[in-house]
Amino acid sequence: MHIRAGIADWYKEWQVIYYLINSKENIVGEIKHEYCKTLERLEFTAITKKAISRLD
């Protein structure tokens, strides 16, 4: 059983909104390429770990 969360503001200063508005990051919405590259890196890491552990 979980304890019910309290009702409160998640920030105290309204100026934090400028961190969201003034973002310099250019996001085009296409993540398929980066997602596939990340999956390939994870797979390579898993294969490498398995190969190294067999050497021990």
N, C-alpha and C. Protein backbone atom coordinates (compact mmCIF):
# COMPACT_ATOMS: atom_id res chain seq x y z
N MET A 1 0.84 -1.18 0.00
CA MET A 1 0.00 0.00 0.00
C MET A 1 0.89 1.24 0.00
N HIS A 2 0.53 2.21 -0.83
CA HIS A 2 1.29 3.45 -0.94
C HIS A 2 0.63 4.56 -0.13
N ILE A 3 1.47 5.43 0.39
CA ILE A 3 0.98 6.60 1.10
C ILE A 3 0.56 7.64 0.07
N ARG A 4 -0.58 8.24 0.26
CA ARG A 4 -1.08 9.26 -0.66
C ARG A 4 -0.14 10.47 -0.66
N ALA A 5 0.17 10.96 -1.86
CA ALA A 5 1.07 12.11 -1.99
C ALA A 5 0.39 13.38 -1.49
N GLY A 6 1.18 14.24 -0.89
CA GLY A 6 0.65 15.51 -0.41
C GLY A 6 0.46 16.49 -1.56
N ILE A 7 -0.41 17.45 -1.37
CA ILE A 7 -0.64 18.47 -2.39
C ILE A 7 0.25 19.66 -2.06
N ALA A 8 1.15 19.96 -2.99
CA ALA A 8 2.08 21.09 -2.80
C ALA A 8 2.67 21.47 -4.15
N ASP A 9 3.17 22.67 -4.25
CA ASP A 9 3.87 23.10 -5.45
C ASP A 9 5.19 22.36 -5.56
N TRP A 10 5.58 22.01 -6.79
CA TRP A 10 6.84 21.31 -6.98
C TRP A 10 8.02 22.27 -7.12
N TYR A 11 7.73 23.56 -7.12
CA TYR A 11 8.78 24.56 -7.11
C TYR A 11 8.30 25.76 -6.31
N LYS A 12 9.23 26.57 -5.91
CA LYS A 12 8.88 27.72 -5.08
C LYS A 12 9.01 29.05 -5.83
N GLU A 13 9.87 29.11 -6.83
CA GLU A 13 10.12 30.35 -7.57
C GLU A 13 9.54 30.24 -8.98
N TRP A 14 8.70 31.18 -9.40
CA TRP A 14 8.08 31.12 -10.71
C TRP A 14 9.10 31.31 -11.84
N GLN A 15 10.26 31.89 -11.55
CA GLN A 15 11.26 32.17 -12.58
C GLN A 15 11.85 30.91 -13.18
N VAL A 16 11.63 29.76 -12.57
CA VAL A 16 12.16 28.52 -13.14
C VAL A 16 11.59 28.23 -14.51
N ILE A 17 10.48 28.84 -14.85
CA ILE A 17 9.87 28.63 -16.17
C ILE A 17 10.83 29.05 -17.28
N TYR A 18 11.74 29.98 -17.00
CA TYR A 18 12.69 30.42 -18.02
C TYR A 18 13.67 29.33 -18.41
N TYR A 19 13.91 28.37 -17.56
CA TYR A 19 14.75 27.24 -17.93
C TYR A 19 14.09 26.41 -19.03
N LEU A 20 12.79 26.39 -19.07
CA LEU A 20 12.06 25.65 -20.10
C LEU A 20 11.88 26.46 -21.38
N ILE A 21 11.63 27.73 -21.24
CA ILE A 21 11.37 28.59 -22.40
C ILE A 21 12.63 28.85 -23.20
N ASN A 22 13.74 29.11 -22.54
CA ASN A 22 14.98 29.52 -23.21
C ASN A 22 15.87 28.34 -23.60
N SER A 23 15.30 27.20 -23.84
CA SER A 23 16.10 26.04 -24.21
C SER A 23 16.73 26.25 -25.58
N LYS A 24 18.03 26.06 -25.68
CA LYS A 24 18.76 26.23 -26.94
C LYS A 24 18.79 24.94 -27.75
N GLU A 25 18.28 23.87 -27.18
CA GLU A 25 18.31 22.56 -27.82
C GLU A 25 17.33 22.52 -28.99
N ASN A 26 17.79 22.07 -30.14
CA ASN A 26 16.95 21.97 -31.32
C ASN A 26 16.41 20.54 -31.41
N ILE A 27 15.12 20.40 -31.17
CA ILE A 27 14.50 19.08 -31.19
C ILE A 27 13.56 19.03 -32.38
N VAL A 28 13.81 18.08 -33.28
CA VAL A 28 12.98 17.98 -34.47
C VAL A 28 11.91 16.89 -34.34
N GLY A 29 11.97 16.13 -33.28
CA GLY A 29 10.96 15.11 -33.05
C GLY A 29 11.28 13.76 -33.62
N GLU A 30 12.33 13.62 -34.38
CA GLU A 30 12.70 12.33 -34.96
C GLU A 30 13.70 11.64 -34.05
N ILE A 31 13.29 10.56 -33.41
CA ILE A 31 14.17 9.87 -32.47
C ILE A 31 14.51 8.46 -32.92
N LYS A 32 13.93 8.03 -34.04
CA LYS A 32 14.13 6.65 -34.48
C LYS A 32 15.61 6.31 -34.67
N HIS A 33 16.35 7.19 -35.34
CA HIS A 33 17.77 6.93 -35.59
C HIS A 33 18.55 6.81 -34.28
N GLU A 34 18.39 7.76 -33.38
CA GLU A 34 19.10 7.72 -32.10
C GLU A 34 18.67 6.53 -31.27
N TYR A 35 17.40 6.18 -31.31
CA TYR A 35 16.90 5.02 -30.57
C TYR A 35 17.57 3.74 -31.08
N CYS A 36 17.63 3.59 -32.39
CA CYS A 36 18.27 2.40 -32.97
C CYS A 36 19.76 2.34 -32.64
N LYS A 37 20.44 3.48 -32.69
CA LYS A 37 21.86 3.51 -32.34
C LYS A 37 22.07 3.11 -30.88
N THR A 38 21.20 3.56 -30.00
CA THR A 38 21.31 3.21 -28.59
C THR A 38 21.09 1.72 -28.39
N LEU A 39 20.11 1.15 -29.06
CA LEU A 39 19.88 -0.30 -28.97
C LEU A 39 21.09 -1.08 -29.47
N GLU A 40 21.71 -0.63 -30.56
CA GLU A 40 22.91 -1.29 -31.07
C GLU A 40 24.05 -1.23 -30.07
N ARG A 41 24.22 -0.09 -29.41
CA ARG A 41 25.28 0.03 -28.40
C ARG A 41 25.04 -0.91 -27.22
N LEU A 42 23.77 -0.98 -26.78
CA LEU A 42 23.44 -1.88 -25.67
C LEU A 42 23.68 -3.34 -26.05
N GLU A 43 23.30 -3.71 -27.27
CA GLU A 43 23.52 -5.08 -27.73
C GLU A 43 25.01 -5.39 -27.81
N PHE A 44 25.79 -4.46 -28.36
CA PHE A 44 27.23 -4.65 -28.45
C PHE A 44 27.85 -4.81 -27.06
N THR A 45 27.40 -4.00 -26.11
CA THR A 45 27.90 -4.08 -24.74
C THR A 45 27.57 -5.42 -24.12
N ALA A 46 26.36 -5.91 -24.32
CA ALA A 46 25.96 -7.20 -23.76
C ALA A 46 26.79 -8.33 -24.36
N ILE A 47 27.00 -8.30 -25.68
CA ILE A 47 27.81 -9.33 -26.35
C ILE A 47 29.25 -9.29 -25.85
N THR A 48 29.80 -8.09 -25.73
CA THR A 48 31.18 -7.93 -25.24
C THR A 48 31.31 -8.44 -23.82
N LYS A 49 30.36 -8.12 -22.96
CA LYS A 49 30.40 -8.58 -21.57
C LYS A 49 30.36 -10.11 -21.51
N LYS A 50 29.51 -10.69 -22.33
CA LYS A 50 29.40 -12.15 -22.37
C LYS A 50 30.71 -12.78 -22.84
N ALA A 51 31.33 -12.21 -23.85
CA ALA A 51 32.59 -12.73 -24.38
C ALA A 51 33.71 -12.62 -23.35
N ILE A 52 33.77 -11.50 -22.65
CA ILE A 52 34.82 -11.30 -21.64
C ILE A 52 34.62 -12.24 -20.46
N SER A 53 33.36 -12.45 -20.06
CA SER A 53 33.12 -13.32 -18.92
C SER A 53 33.50 -14.77 -19.23
N ARG A 54 33.47 -15.17 -20.47
CA ARG A 54 33.89 -16.52 -20.86
C ARG A 54 35.40 -16.69 -20.76
N LEU A 55 36.12 -15.57 -20.85
CA LEU A 55 37.59 -15.63 -20.76
C LEU A 55 38.06 -15.79 -19.32
N ASP A 56 37.25 -15.39 -18.38
CA ASP A 56 37.66 -15.45 -16.97
C ASP A 56 37.64 -16.85 -16.43
